PDB file of N, CA and C in Angstrom:
ATOM      1  N   MET A   1       8.366  -3.182  -5.993  1.00  0.00           N
ATOM      2  CA  MET A   1       8.143  -2.608  -4.929  1.00  0.00           C
ATOM      3  C   MET A   1       8.795  -1.246  -4.745  1.00  0.00           C
ATOM      4  N   ALA A   2       8.383  -0.365  -4.207  1.00  0.00           N
ATOM      5  CA  ALA A   2       8.865   1.145  -4.840  1.00  0.00           C
ATOM      6  C   ALA A   2       9.734   1.537  -3.457  1.00  0.00           C
ATOM      7  N   VAL A   3      10.227   0.623  -2.578  1.00  0.00           N
ATOM      8  CA  VAL A   3      11.072   0.993  -1.695  1.00  0.00           C
ATOM      9  C   VAL A   3      12.407   0.408  -1.975  1.00  0.00           C
ATOM     10  N   PRO A   4      13.642   1.278  -2.082  1.00  0.00           N
ATOM     11  CA  PRO A   4      14.642   1.063  -3.216  1.00  0.00           C
ATOM     12  C   PRO A   4      15.321  -0.215  -1.974  1.00  0.00           C
ATOM     13  N   GLU A   5      16.220  -0.898  -2.381  1.00  0.00           N
ATOM     14  CA  GLU A   5      16.727  -2.002  -2.523  1.00  0.00           C
ATOM     15  C   GLU A   5      17.157  -1.674  -0.687  1.00  0.00           C
ATOM     16  N   PRO A   6      17.641  -2.583  -0.066  1.00  0.00           N
ATOM     17  CA  PRO A   6      18.218  -2.184   1.148  1.00  0.00           C
ATOM     18  C   PRO A   6      19.875  -1.920   0.993  1.00  0.00           C
ATOM     19  N   HIS A   7      20.375  -0.954   1.266  1.00  0.00           N
ATOM     20  CA  HIS A   7      21.756  -1.254   1.388  1.00  0.00           C
ATOM     21  C   HIS A   7      22.539  -0.198   2.380  1.00  0.00           C
ATOM     22  N   ALA A   8      23.172  -0.111   2.692  1.00  0.00           N
ATOM     23  CA  ALA A   8      24.340   0.267   3.561  1.00  0.00           C
ATOM     24  C   ALA A   8      25.053   1.459   3.019  1.00  0.00           C
ATOM     25  N   SER A   9      24.775   2.490   4.107  1.00  0.00           N
ATOM     26  CA  SER A   9      25.337   3.419   3.154  1.00  0.00           C
ATOM     27  C   SER A   9      26.549   4.857   3.882  1.00  0.00           C
ATOM     28  N   PRO A  10      27.315   5.460   3.645  1.00  0.00           N
ATOM     29  CA  PRO A  10      28.457   6.267   3.735  1.00  0.00           C
ATOM     30  C   PRO A  10      27.249   7.023   5.023  1.00  0.00           C
ATOM     31  N   THR A  11      27.502   7.556   6.352  1.00  0.00           N
ATOM     32  CA  THR A  11      26.820   8.368   7.175  1.00  0.00           C
ATOM     33  C   THR A  11      27.181   9.589   7.671  1.00  0.00           C
ATOM     34  N   ALA A  12      26.595  10.589   7.277  1.00  0.00           N
ATOM     35  CA  ALA A  12      27.139  11.852   7.474  1.00  0.00           C
ATOM     36  C   ALA A  12      27.213  11.794   8.893  1.00  0.00           C
ATOM     37  N   SER A  13      27.741  13.199  10.072  1.00  0.00           N
ATOM     38  CA  SER A  13      28.579  13.081  10.920  1.00  0.00           C
ATOM     39  C   SER A  13      27.286  13.671  11.489  1.00  0.00           C
ATOM     40  N   ARG A  14      26.808  12.673  12.790  1.00  0.00           N
ATOM     41  CA  ARG A  14      25.144  12.817  13.529  1.00  0.00           C
ATOM     42  C   ARG A  14      24.914  13.727  13.893  1.00  0.00           C
ATOM     43  N   ASP A  15      25.538  15.457  14.135  1.00  0.00           N
ATOM     44  CA  ASP A  15      25.106  16.275  14.224  1.00  0.00           C
ATOM     45  C   ASP A  15      24.820  17.344  13.199  1.00  0.00           C
ATOM     46  N   ARG A  16      25.048  16.619  11.859  1.00  0.00           N
ATOM     47  CA  ARG A  16      24.702  17.332  10.983  1.00  0.00           C
ATOM     48  C   ARG A  16      23.205  17.799  10.458  1.00  0.00           C
ATOM     49  N   ASP A  17      23.302  19.053  10.612  1.00  0.00           N
ATOM     50  CA  ASP A  17      21.826  19.995  10.320  1.00  0.00           C
ATOM     51  C   ASP A  17      20.520  19.169   9.079  1.00  0.00           C
ATOM     52  N   TRP A  18      19.619  18.798   9.046  1.00  0.00           N
ATOM     53  CA  TRP A  18      18.713  18.308   8.049  1.00  0.00           C
ATOM     54  C   TRP A  18      18.494  19.614   7.808  1.00  0.00           C
ATOM     55  N   LYS A  19      18.063  19.771   6.613  1.00  0.00           N
ATOM     56  CA  LYS A  19      17.754  21.246   5.781  1.00  0.00           C
ATOM     57  C   LYS A  19      17.399  20.577   4.132  1.00  0.00           C
ATOM     58  N   TRP A  20      15.899  20.055   4.141  1.00  0.00           N
ATOM     59  CA  TRP A  20      15.839  19.341   3.310  1.00  0.00           C
ATOM     60  C   TRP A  20      15.181  20.616   1.958  1.00  0.00           C
ATOM     61  N   ASP A  21      15.551  21.097   1.028  1.00  0.00           N
ATOM     62  CA  ASP A  21      14.897  21.867   0.842  1.00  0.00           C
ATOM     63  C   ASP A  21      14.176  21.755  -1.020  1.00  0.00           C
ATOM     64  N   GLY A  22      14.023  20.579  -1.232  1.00  0.00           N
ATOM     65  CA  GLY A  22      13.282  19.514  -1.792  1.00  0.00           C
ATOM     66  C   GLY A  22      14.300  19.964  -3.284  1.00  0.00           C
ATOM     67  N   THR A  23      13.483  20.893  -4.751  1.00  0.00           N
ATOM     68  CA  THR A  23      14.137  21.317  -5.736  1.00  0.00           C
ATOM     69  C   THR A  23      15.779  21.139  -5.952  1.00  0.00           C
ATOM     70  N   ASP A  24      16.408  21.843  -5.040  1.00  0.00           N
ATOM     71  CA  ASP A  24      18.087  22.861  -4.948  1.00  0.00           C
ATOM     72  C   ASP A  24      18.857  21.074  -4.526  1.00  0.00           C
ATOM     73  N   LYS A  25      18.315  20.612  -3.683  1.00  0.00           N
ATOM     74  CA  LYS A  25      18.968  19.051  -3.079  1.00  0.00           C
ATOM     75  C   LYS A  25      18.863  17.974  -4.211  1.00  0.00           C
ATOM     76  N   LEU A  26      17.676  17.835  -5.020  1.00  0.00           N
ATOM     77  CA  LEU A  26      17.279  17.015  -6.410  1.00  0.00           C
ATOM     78  C   LEU A  26      18.084  17.221  -7.447  1.00  0.00           C
ATOM     79  N   ASP A  27      18.125  18.589  -7.299  1.00  0.00           N
ATOM     80  CA  ASP A  27      19.198  18.545  -8.258  1.00  0.00           C
ATOM     81  C   ASP A  27      20.695  18.499  -8.865  1.00  0.00           C
ATOM     82  N   ASP A  28      21.011  18.550  -7.165  1.00  0.00           N
ATOM     83  CA  ASP A  28      22.166  18.176  -6.858  1.00  0.00           C
ATOM     84  C   ASP A  28      22.120  17.119  -7.315  1.00  0.00           C
ATOM     85  N   ILE A  29      21.836  15.925  -6.266  1.00  0.00           N
ATOM     86  CA  ILE A  29      22.190  14.802  -6.787  1.00  0.00           C
ATOM     87  C   ILE A  29      22.036  14.065  -7.943  1.00  0.00           C
ATOM     88  N   ILE A  30      20.886  14.624  -8.701  1.00  0.00           N
ATOM     89  CA  ILE A  30      21.119  14.055  -9.905  1.00  0.00           C
ATOM     90  C   ILE A  30      22.375  14.361 -10.663  1.00  0.00           C
ATOM     91  N   GLU A  31      22.544  15.462 -10.777  1.00  0.00           N
ATOM     92  CA  GLU A  31      23.787  16.181 -10.920  1.00  0.00           C
ATOM     93  C   GLU A  31      24.860  15.124 -10.639  1.00  0.00           C
ATOM     94  N   HIS A  32      25.245  14.909  -9.631  1.00  0.00           N
ATOM     95  CA  HIS A  32      26.358  14.064  -9.151  1.00  0.00           C
ATOM     96  C   HIS A  32      25.885  12.471  -9.269  1.00  0.00           C
ATOM     97  N   GLY A  33      24.675  11.923  -9.416  1.00  0.00           N
ATOM     98  CA  GLY A  33      24.429  10.509  -9.193  1.00  0.00           C
ATOM     99  C   GLY A  33      23.400   9.775 -10.038  1.00  0.00           C
ATOM    100  N   GLY A  34      22.551  10.964 -10.777  1.00  0.00           N
ATOM    101  CA  GLY A  34      21.914  10.417 -11.529  1.00  0.00           C
ATOM    102  C   GLY A  34      20.304  10.020 -10.636  1.00  0.00           C
ATOM    103  N   TRP A  35      19.525   9.734 -11.640  1.00  0.00           N
ATOM    104  CA  TRP A  35      18.452   8.984 -10.873  1.00  0.00           C
ATOM    105  C   TRP A  35      18.296   7.977  -9.949  1.00  0.00           C
ATOM    106  N   ASP A  36      19.257   6.836 -10.317  1.00  0.00           N
ATOM    107  CA  ASP A  36      19.406   5.932  -9.368  1.00  0.00           C
ATOM    108  C   ASP A  36      19.721   6.658  -7.602  1.00  0.00           C
ATOM    109  N   ALA A  37      20.911   7.567  -7.691  1.00  0.00           N
ATOM    110  CA  ALA A  37      21.191   7.796  -6.884  1.00  0.00           C
ATOM    111  C   ALA A  37      20.050   8.548  -6.115  1.00  0.00           C
ATOM    112  N   VAL A  38      19.152   9.280  -6.908  1.00  0.00           N
ATOM    113  CA  VAL A  38      17.815  10.131  -6.208  1.00  0.00           C
ATOM    114  C   VAL A  38      17.048   9.375  -5.407  1.00  0.00           C
ATOM    115  N   ALA A  39      17.099   7.757  -6.298  1.00  0.00           N
ATOM    116  CA  ALA A  39      16.009   6.810  -5.605  1.00  0.00           C
ATOM    117  C   ALA A  39      16.892   6.582  -4.224  1.00  0.00           C
ATOM    118  N   ASN A  40      18.031   5.789  -3.817  1.00  0.00           N
ATOM    119  CA  ASN A  40      18.409   6.134  -2.738  1.00  0.00           C
ATOM    120  C   ASN A  40      18.536   6.733  -1.981  1.00  0.00           C
ATOM    121  N   ALA A  41      18.002   7.777  -2.106  1.00  0.00           N
ATOM    122  CA  ALA A  41      18.317   9.209  -1.334  1.00  0.00           C
ATOM    123  C   ALA A  41      17.297   9.182  -0.656  1.00  0.00           C
ATOM    124  N   HIS A  42      15.585   8.600  -0.839  1.00  0.00           N
ATOM    125  CA  HIS A  42      14.841   8.697  -0.469  1.00  0.00           C
ATOM    126  C   HIS A  42      14.000   7.174  -0.139  1.00  0.00           C
ATOM    127  N   ALA A  43      13.097   6.959   0.901  1.00  0.00           N
ATOM    128  CA  ALA A  43      12.234   5.686   1.588  1.00  0.00           C
ATOM    129  C   ALA A  43      11.276   5.142   0.737  1.00  0.00           C
ATOM    130  N   TRP A  44      10.927   5.654  -0.270  1.00  0.00           N
ATOM    131  CA  TRP A  44       9.782   5.252  -0.902  1.00  0.00           C
ATOM    132  C   TRP A  44       9.843   5.887  -2.790  1.00  0.00           C
ATOM    133  N   TYR A  45       9.572   5.290  -3.677  1.00  0.00           N
ATOM    134  CA  TYR A  45       9.173   5.716  -4.805  1.00  0.00           C
ATOM    135  C   TYR A  45       7.702   5.314  -5.514  1.00  0.00           C
ATOM    136  N   ASP A  46       7.332   6.353  -6.255  1.00  0.00           N
ATOM    137  CA  ASP A  46       6.295   5.820  -6.984  1.00  0.00           C
ATOM    138  C   ASP A  46       7.044   5.420  -8.567  1.00  0.00           C
ATOM    139  N   GLU A  47       6.678   4.019  -8.990  1.00  0.00           N
ATOM    140  CA  GLU A  47       7.676   3.363  -9.525  1.00  0.00           C
ATOM    141  C   GLU A  47       6.675   3.561 -11.274  1.00  0.00           C
ATOM    142  N   ASP A  48       5.572   3.708 -10.674  1.00  0.00           N
ATOM    143  CA  ASP A  48       4.170   3.964 -11.671  1.00  0.00           C
ATOM    144  C   ASP A  48       4.220   5.278 -12.158  1.00  0.00           C
ATOM    145  N   ALA A  49       5.170   6.521 -11.680  1.00  0.00           N
ATOM    146  CA  ALA A  49       4.841   7.814 -11.877  1.00  0.00           C
ATOM    147  C   ALA A  49       5.891   7.743 -13.623  1.00  0.00           C
ATOM    148  N   ASP A  50       6.181   7.618 -14.406  1.00  0.00           N
ATOM    149  CA  ASP A  50       6.392   7.474 -15.429  1.00  0.00           C
ATOM    150  C   ASP A  50       6.992   6.286 -16.219  1.00  0.00           C
ATOM    151  N   ASP A  51       7.820   6.007 -16.940  1.00  0.00           N
ATOM    152  CA  ASP A  51       8.226   4.769 -17.917  1.00  0.00           C
ATOM    153  C   ASP A  51       9.600   4.433 -17.652  1.00  0.00           C
ATOM    154  N   ASN A  52      10.539   5.427 -16.706  1.00  0.00           N
ATOM    155  CA  ASN A  52      11.708   4.932 -16.445  1.00  0.00           C
ATOM    156  C   ASN A  52      11.764   4.303 -14.956  1.00  0.00           C
ATOM    157  N   ASP A  53      12.894   3.545 -14.942  1.00  0.00           N
ATOM    158  CA  ASP A  53      13.194   2.974 -13.788  1.00  0.00           C
ATOM    159  C   ASP A  53      14.456   3.550 -13.165  1.00  0.00           C
ATOM    160  N   PRO A  54      15.114   3.661 -12.225  1.00  0.00           N
ATOM    161  CA  PRO A  54      13.578   4.644 -11.154  1.00  0.00           C
ATOM    162  C   PRO A  54      13.118   5.673 -12.083  1.00  0.00           C
ATOM    163  N   PRO A  55      12.084   5.969 -11.659  1.00  0.00           N
ATOM    164  CA  PRO A  55      11.101   7.046 -11.972  1.00  0.00           C
ATOM    165  C   PRO A  55      12.245   8.777 -12.436  1.00  0.00           C
ATOM    166  N   GLN A  56      12.117   9.255 -13.290  1.00  0.00           N
ATOM    167  CA  GLN A  56      12.366  10.674 -13.632  1.00  0.00           C
ATOM    168  C   GLN A  56      11.823  11.306 -13.848  1.00  0.00           C
ATOM    169  N   LEU A  57      11.301  11.982 -12.076  1.00  0.00           N
ATOM    170  CA  LEU A  57       9.503  12.603 -11.937  1.00  0.00           C
ATOM    171  C   LEU A  57      10.035  13.276 -10.430  1.00  0.00           C
ATOM    172  N   LYS A  58      10.890  14.380 -10.196  1.00  0.00           N
ATOM    173  CA  LYS A  58      10.568  14.588  -8.733  1.00  0.00           C
ATOM    174  C   LYS A  58       9.646  14.383  -7.750  1.00  0.00           C
ATOM    175  N   THR A  59       8.220  14.403  -8.519  1.00  0.00           N
ATOM    176  CA  THR A  59       7.289  14.916  -7.321  1.00  0.00           C
ATOM    177  C   THR A  59       7.102  12.909  -7.251  1.00  0.00           C
ATOM    178  N   ALA A  60       7.838  11.724  -7.853  1.00  0.00           N
ATOM    179  CA  ALA A  60       7.836  10.481  -7.477  1.00  0.00           C
ATOM    180  C   ALA A  60       8.264   9.846  -5.786  1.00  0.00           C
ATOM    181  N   TYR A  61       9.015  11.158  -5.385  1.00  0.00           N
ATOM    182  CA  TYR A  61       9.685  10.446  -4.281  1.00  0.00           C
ATOM    183  C   TYR A  61       9.285  11.455  -2.897  1.00  0.00           C
ATOM    184  N   LYS A  62       9.003  10.311  -1.785  1.00  0.00           N
ATOM    185  CA  LYS A  62       9.180  10.611  -0.923  1.00  0.00           C
ATOM    186  C   LYS A  62       9.721  10.392   0.272  1.00  0.00           C
ATOM    187  N   LEU A  63       9.788  10.941   1.350  1.00  0.00           N
ATOM    188  CA  LEU A  63      10.993  10.528   2.391  1.00  0.00           C
ATOM    189  C   LEU A  63      12.069  10.626   2.620  1.00  0.00           C
ATOM    190  N   PRO A  64      12.687  11.438   2.180  1.00  0.00           N
ATOM    191  CA  PRO A  64      14.453  12.050   1.582  1.00  0.00           C
ATOM    192  C   PRO A  64      14.924  12.069   2.941  1.00  0.00           C
ATOM    193  N   HIS A  65      16.240  11.308   2.973  1.00  0.00           N
ATOM    194  CA  HIS A  65      16.937  10.712   4.401  1.00  0.00           C
ATOM    195  C   HIS A  65      18.389  10.995   3.844  1.00  0.00           C
ATOM    196  N   HIS A  66      19.047  11.014   2.821  1.00  0.00           N
ATOM    197  CA  HIS A  66      20.432  11.149   2.020  1.00  0.00           C
ATOM    198  C   HIS A  66      20.404  12.764   1.694  1.00  0.00           C
ATOM    199  N   GLU A  67      21.333  12.814   2.112  1.00  0.00           N
ATOM    200  CA  GLU A  67      21.691  14.107   1.181  1.00  0.00           C
ATOM    201  C   GLU A  67      23.089  14.249   0.760  1.00  0.00           C
ATOM    202  N   LEU A  68      23.604  14.903  -0.087  1.00  0.00           N
ATOM    203  CA  LEU A  68      25.035  15.072  -0.972  1.00  0.00           C
ATOM    204  C   LEU A  68      25.624  15.655   0.000  1.00  0.00           C
ATOM    205  N   VAL A  69      27.329  14.743   0.297  1.00  0.00           N
ATOM    206  CA  VAL A  69      28.212  15.639   1.291  1.00  0.00           C
ATOM    207  C   VAL A  69      29.700  15.357   0.856  1.00  0.00           C
ATOM    208  N   ASP A  70      30.209  16.757   0.426  1.00  0.00           N
ATOM    209  CA  ASP A  70      31.616  16.480   0.065  1.00  0.00           C
ATOM    210  C   ASP A  70      31.242  15.520  -1.727  1.00  0.00           C
ATOM    211  N   GLY A  71      30.258  15.431  -2.150  1.00  0.00           N
ATOM    212  CA  GLY A  71      30.178  15.198  -3.529  1.00  0.00           C
ATOM    213  C   GLY A  71      29.832  13.541  -3.750  1.00  0.00           C
ATOM    214  N   GLY A  72      29.219  12.991  -2.306  1.00  0.00           N
ATOM    215  CA  GLY A  72      29.042  11.822  -2.100  1.00  0.00           C
ATOM    216  C   GLY A  72      27.784  11.707  -1.372  1.00  0.00           C
ATOM    217  N   LEU A  73      27.038  10.877  -1.676  1.00  0.00           N
ATOM    218  CA  LEU A  73      24.930  10.737  -0.911  1.00  0.00           C
ATOM    219  C   LEU A  73      25.749   9.852   0.616  1.00  0.00           C
ATOM    220  N   LYS A  74      25.110  10.537   1.357  1.00  0.00           N
ATOM    221  CA  LYS A  74      25.586  10.157   3.164  1.00  0.00           C
ATOM    222  C   LYS A  74      23.888  10.222   3.499  1.00  0.00           C
ATOM    223  N   VAL A  75      24.012   9.459   4.236  1.00  0.00           N
ATOM    224  CA  VAL A  75      22.368   9.187   4.906  1.00  0.00           C
ATOM    225  C   VAL A  75      23.150  10.144   6.490  1.00  0.00           C
ATOM    226  N   ASN A  76      21.740  11.018   6.484  1.00  0.00           N
ATOM    227  CA  ASN A  76      21.655  11.824   7.415  1.00  0.00           C
ATOM    228  C   ASN A  76      21.208  11.785   8.833  1.00  0.00           C
ATOM    229  N   TRP A  77      21.427  11.379  10.000  1.00  0.00           N
ATOM    230  CA  TRP A  77      20.737  11.309  10.956  1.00  0.00           C
ATOM    231  C   TRP A  77      19.200  11.603  11.058  1.00  0.00           C
ATOM    232  N   SER A  78      19.384  12.863  11.690  1.00  0.00           N
ATOM    233  CA  SER A  78      18.245  13.853  11.680  1.00  0.00           C
ATOM    234  C   SER A  78      17.389  13.674  10.325  1.00  0.00           C
ATOM    235  N   GLY A  79      17.644  13.929   9.463  1.00  0.00           N
ATOM    236  CA  GLY A  79      16.888  13.004   8.226  1.00  0.00           C
ATOM    237  C   GLY A  79      16.070  12.001   7.996  1.00  0.00           C
ATOM    238  N   VAL A  80      17.149  11.237   8.747  1.00  0.00           N
ATOM    239  CA  VAL A  80      16.249   9.345   9.066  1.00  0.00           C
ATOM    240  C   VAL A  80      15.007   9.653  10.104  1.00  0.00           C
ATOM    241  N   THR A  81      15.386  10.321  11.408  1.00  0.00           N
ATOM    242  CA  THR A  81      14.742   9.816  11.692  1.00  0.00           C
ATOM    243  C   THR A  81      13.172  11.081  11.941  1.00  0.00           C
ATOM    244  N   ALA A  82      13.531  12.272  10.682  1.00  0.00           N
ATOM    245  CA  ALA A  82      12.113  12.934  10.505  1.00  0.00           C
ATOM    246  C   ALA A  82      11.373  11.944   9.631  1.00  0.00           C
ATOM    247  N   ALA A  83      11.789  11.357   8.823  1.00  0.00           N
ATOM    248  CA  ALA A  83      11.241  10.553   7.721  1.00  0.00           C
ATOM    249  C   ALA A  83      10.183   9.318   8.735  1.00  0.00           C
ATOM    250  N   MET A  84      11.271   8.575   9.570  1.00  0.00           N
ATOM    251  CA  MET A  84      10.052   7.855  10.503  1.00  0.00           C
ATOM    252  C   MET A  84       9.152   8.043  11.058  1.00  0.00           C
ATOM    253  N   ASN A  85       9.610   9.562  11.941  1.00  0.00           N
ATOM    254  CA  ASN A  85       8.677   9.631  12.339  1.00  0.00           C
ATOM    255  C   ASN A  85       7.139   9.893  11.870  1.00  0.00           C
ATOM    256  N   VAL A  86       7.618  10.780  10.124  1.00  0.00           N
ATOM    257  CA  VAL A  86       6.277  10.435   9.291  1.00  0.00           C
ATOM    258  C   VAL A  86       5.698   9.496   9.018  1.00  0.00           C
ATOM    259  N   VAL A  87       6.410   8.527   8.866  1.00  0.00           N
ATOM    260  CA  VAL A  87       6.009   7.159   8.586  1.00  0.00           C
ATOM    261  C   VAL A  87       4.737   6.862   9.403  1.00  0.00           C
ATOM    262  N   GLN A  88       5.146   6.746  11.184  1.00  0.00           N
ATOM    263  CA  GLN A  88       4.473   6.726  12.203  1.00  0.00           C
ATOM    264  C   GLN A  88       3.226   7.569  12.395  1.00  0.00           C
ATOM    265  N   GLY A  89       2.983   8.792  11.325  1.00  0.00           N
ATOM    266  CA  GLY A  89       1.959   9.420  11.228  1.00  0.00           C
ATOM    267  C   GLY A  89       2.222  10.930  12.101  1.00  0.00           C
ATOM    268  N   GLY A  90       3.809  11.077  12.706  1.00  0.00           N
ATOM    269  CA  GLY A  90       4.486  12.663  12.972  1.00  0.00           C
ATOM    270  C   GLY A  90       3.765  13.368  11.301  1.00  0.00           C
ATOM    271  N   ARG A  91       3.970  14.947  11.868  1.00  0.00           N
ATOM    272  CA  ARG A  91       2.920  15.917  10.839  1.00  0.00           C
ATOM    273  C   ARG A  91       2.064  15.406  10.099  1.00  0.00           C
ATOM    274  N   GLY A  92       1.470  14.548  10.620  1.00  0.00           N
ATOM    275  CA  GLY A  92       0.390  14.186   9.020  1.00  0.00           C
ATOM    276  C   GLY A  92       0.120  12.799   8.479  1.00  0.00           C
ATOM    277  N   GLY A  93       1.592  12.615   8.933  1.00  0.00           N
ATOM    278  CA  GLY A  93       2.076  10.992   8.106  1.00  0.00           C
ATOM    279  C   GLY A  93       2.102  11.317   6.747  1.00  0.00           C
ATOM    280  N   VAL A  94       2.105   9.704   5.952  1.00  0.00           N
ATOM    281  CA  VAL A  94       2.748  10.093   4.764  1.00  0.00           C
ATOM    282  C   VAL A  94       1.377   8.838   4.325  1.00  0.00           C
ATOM    283  N   ASP A  95       1.179   9.465   2.462  1.00  0.00           N
ATOM    284  CA  ASP A  95       0.174   8.686   1.778  1.00  0.00           C
ATOM    285  C   ASP A  95       1.110   7.629   0.751  1.00  0.00           C
ATOM    286  N   LEU A  96       1.145   6.313   1.684  1.00  0.00           N
ATOM    287  CA  LEU A  96       1.413   5.214   1.048  1.00  0.00           C
ATOM    288  C   LEU A  96       0.669   4.152   0.954  1.00  0.00           C
ATOM    289  N   PRO A  97       1.432   2.984   0.021  1.00  0.00           N
ATOM    290  CA  PRO A  97       0.155   1.970  -0.324  1.00  0.00           C
ATOM    291  C   PRO A  97       0.602   0.949   0.695  1.00  0.00           C
ATOM    292  N   GLU A  98      -0.416   0.750   1.574  1.00  0.00           N
ATOM    293  CA  GLU A  98      -0.409   0.002   2.951  1.00  0.00           C
ATOM    294  C   GLU A  98       0.325  -1.278   2.732  1.00  0.00           C
ATOM    295  N   ASP A  99       0.482  -1.784   1.486  1.00  0.00           N
ATOM    296  CA  ASP A  99       1.141  -3.165   2.141  1.00  0.00           C
ATOM    297  C   ASP A  99       2.914  -2.629   1.499  1.00  0.00           C
ATOM    298  N   GLU A 100       3.219  -1.553   1.867  1.00  0.00           N
ATOM    299  CA  GLU A 100       4.569  -1.266   1.428  1.00  0.00           C
ATOM    300  C   GLU A 100       5.149  -0.455   2.736  1.00  0.00           C
ATOM    301  N   ILE A 101       4.585   0.021   3.454  1.00  0.00           N
ATOM    302  CA  ILE A 101       4.548   0.497   4.937  1.00  0.00           C
ATOM    303  C   ILE A 101       5.837   0.151   5.638  1.00  0.00           C
ATOM    304  N   ASP A 102       5.817  -1.502   5.498  1.00  0.00           N
ATOM    305  CA  ASP A 102       6.314  -1.901   6.481  1.00  0.00           C
ATOM    306  C   ASP A 102       7.900  -2.043   6.118  1.00  0.00           C
ATOM    307  N   ASP A 103       8.106  -1.761   4.477  1.00  0.00           N
ATOM    308  CA  ASP A 103       9.025  -2.134   4.221  1.00  0.00           C
ATOM    309  C   ASP A 103       9.895  -0.734   3.837  1.00  0.00           C
ATOM    310  N   VAL A 104       8.786   0.266   3.954  1.00  0.00           N
ATOM    311  CA  VAL A 104       9.438   1.535   4.178  1.00  0.00           C
ATOM    312  C   VAL A 104       9.949   1.339   5.693  1.00  0.00           C
ATOM    313  N   TYR A 105       9.331   1.175   6.406  1.00  0.00           N
ATOM    314  CA  TYR A 105       9.929   1.048   8.187  1.00  0.00           C
ATOM    315  C   TYR A 105      11.223   0.645   8.244  1.00  0.00           C
ATOM    316  N   GLU A 106      11.364  -0.669   7.702  1.00  0.00           N
ATOM    317  CA  GLU A 106      12.418  -1.642   7.877  1.00  0.00           C
ATOM    318  C   GLU A 106      13.969  -0.945   7.092  1.00  0.00           C
ATOM    319  N   HIS A 107      13.413  -0.089   6.060  1.00  0.00           N
ATOM    320  CA  HIS A 107      14.702   0.195   5.037  1.00  0.00           C
ATOM    321  C   HIS A 107      15.196   1.804   6.199  1.00  0.00           C
ATOM    322  N   LEU A 108      14.750   2.228   6.584  1.00  0.00           N
ATOM    323  CA  LEU A 108      14.691   3.299   7.524  1.00  0.00           C
ATOM    324  C   LEU A 108      15.099   2.646   9.244  1.00  0.00           C
ATOM    325  N   ALA A 109      14.553   1.525   9.755  1.00  0.00           N
ATOM    326  CA  ALA A 109      15.498   0.661  10.599  1.00  0.00           C
ATOM    327  C   ALA A 109      16.642   0.504  10.586  1.00  0.00           C
ATOM    328  N   ARG A 110      17.059   0.088   9.492  1.00  0.00           N
ATOM    329  CA  ARG A 110      18.405  -0.391   8.798  1.00  0.00           C
ATOM    330  C   ARG A 110      19.707   1.112   9.023  1.00  0.00           C
ATOM    331  N   HIS A 111      18.788   2.335   8.729  1.00  0.00           N
ATOM    332  CA  HIS A 111      19.833   3.237   8.409  1.00  0.00           C
ATOM    333  C   HIS A 111      19.938   3.924  10.166  1.00  0.00           C
ATOM    334  N   TYR A 112      18.359   3.494  11.105  1.00  0.00           N
ATOM    335  CA  TYR A 112      18.753   3.227  12.554  1.00  0.00           C
ATOM    336  C   TYR A 112      20.314   2.852  12.672  1.00  0.00           C
ATOM    337  N   ARG A 113      20.451   1.133  12.645  1.00  0.00           N
ATOM    338  CA  ARG A 113      21.218   0.524  13.022  1.00  0.00           C
ATOM    339  C   ARG A 113      22.631   0.803  12.357  1.00  0.00           C
ATOM    340  N   GLU A 114      22.424   1.563  11.672  1.00  0.00           N
ATOM    341  CA  GLU A 114      24.262   2.019  10.811  1.00  0.00           C
ATOM    342  C   GLU A 114      24.587   3.350  12.304  1.00  0.00           C
ATOM    343  N   PHE A 115      23.689   3.959  12.738  1.00  0.00           N
ATOM    344  CA  PHE A 115      23.891   5.044  13.359  1.00  0.00           C
ATOM    345  C   PHE A 115      23.894   3.980  15.170  1.00  0.00           C
ATOM    346  N   ASP A 116      24.222   2.931  15.319  1.00  0.00           N
ATOM    347  CA  ASP A 116      23.947   2.407  16.221  1.00  0.00           C
ATOM    348  C   ASP A 116      22.782   2.496  16.862  1.00  0.00           C
ATOM    349  N   GLU A 117      21.625   2.925  16.994  1.00  0.00           N
ATOM    350  CA  GLU A 117      20.778   3.305  17.183  1.00  0.00           C
ATOM    351  C   GLU A 117      19.410   2.162  17.145  1.00  0.00           C
ATOM    352  N   GLU A 118      18.384   1.541  18.110  1.00  0.00           N
ATOM    353  CA  GLU A 118      17.198   0.986  17.888  1.00  0.00           C
ATOM    354  C   GLU A 118      16.393   1.922  17.152  1.00  0.00           C
ATOM    355  N   PRO A 119      15.679   1.052  16.697  1.00  0.00           N
ATOM    356  CA  PRO A 119      14.707   2.069  15.799  1.00  0.00           C
ATOM    357  C   PRO A 119      13.266   2.238  16.879  1.00  0.00           C
ATOM    358  N   PRO A 120      12.468   2.749  16.560  1.00  0.00           N
ATOM    359  CA  PRO A 120      11.249   3.005  17.073  1.00  0.00           C
ATOM    360  C   PRO A 120      10.006   1.781  16.913  1.00  0.00           C
ATOM    361  N   GLU A 121       9.788   1.118  17.993  1.00  0.00           N
ATOM    362  CA  GLU A 121       8.460   0.659  17.579  1.00  0.00           C
ATOM    363  C   GLU A 121       8.018   0.579  16.465  1.00  0.00           C
ATOM    364  N   ARG A 122       7.214  -0.566  15.927  1.00  0.00           N
ATOM    365  CA  ARG A 122       6.387   0.294  14.540  1.00  0.00           C
ATOM    366  C   ARG A 122       4.717  -0.311  15.478  1.00  0.00           C
TER     367      ARG A 122
END
């Protein structure tokens, strides 16, 4: 499966802006936590992208929702809601294997609960 294992994460301030700029954010995460941290920062990754586990290819990852804050990986509320919106078809949806969408949804739903919020219905 290419959905990171369920994990509780420290949360960023709920009102923190979400500005995912891709390469720069990924480089920072790799520098501070390695590829395992990159995998945990996303709701899905293509485990077949290369021979590493997790893959060491930036394009293998989708649905970021964590970022580095003060040197540590934290869940960003706006990142979680943006990722959930895409999973539910917003912004054109996301191309994922059909049999993994429920797991991705549940991964993000756990983060909703970390912010004491009910996730949207599937």
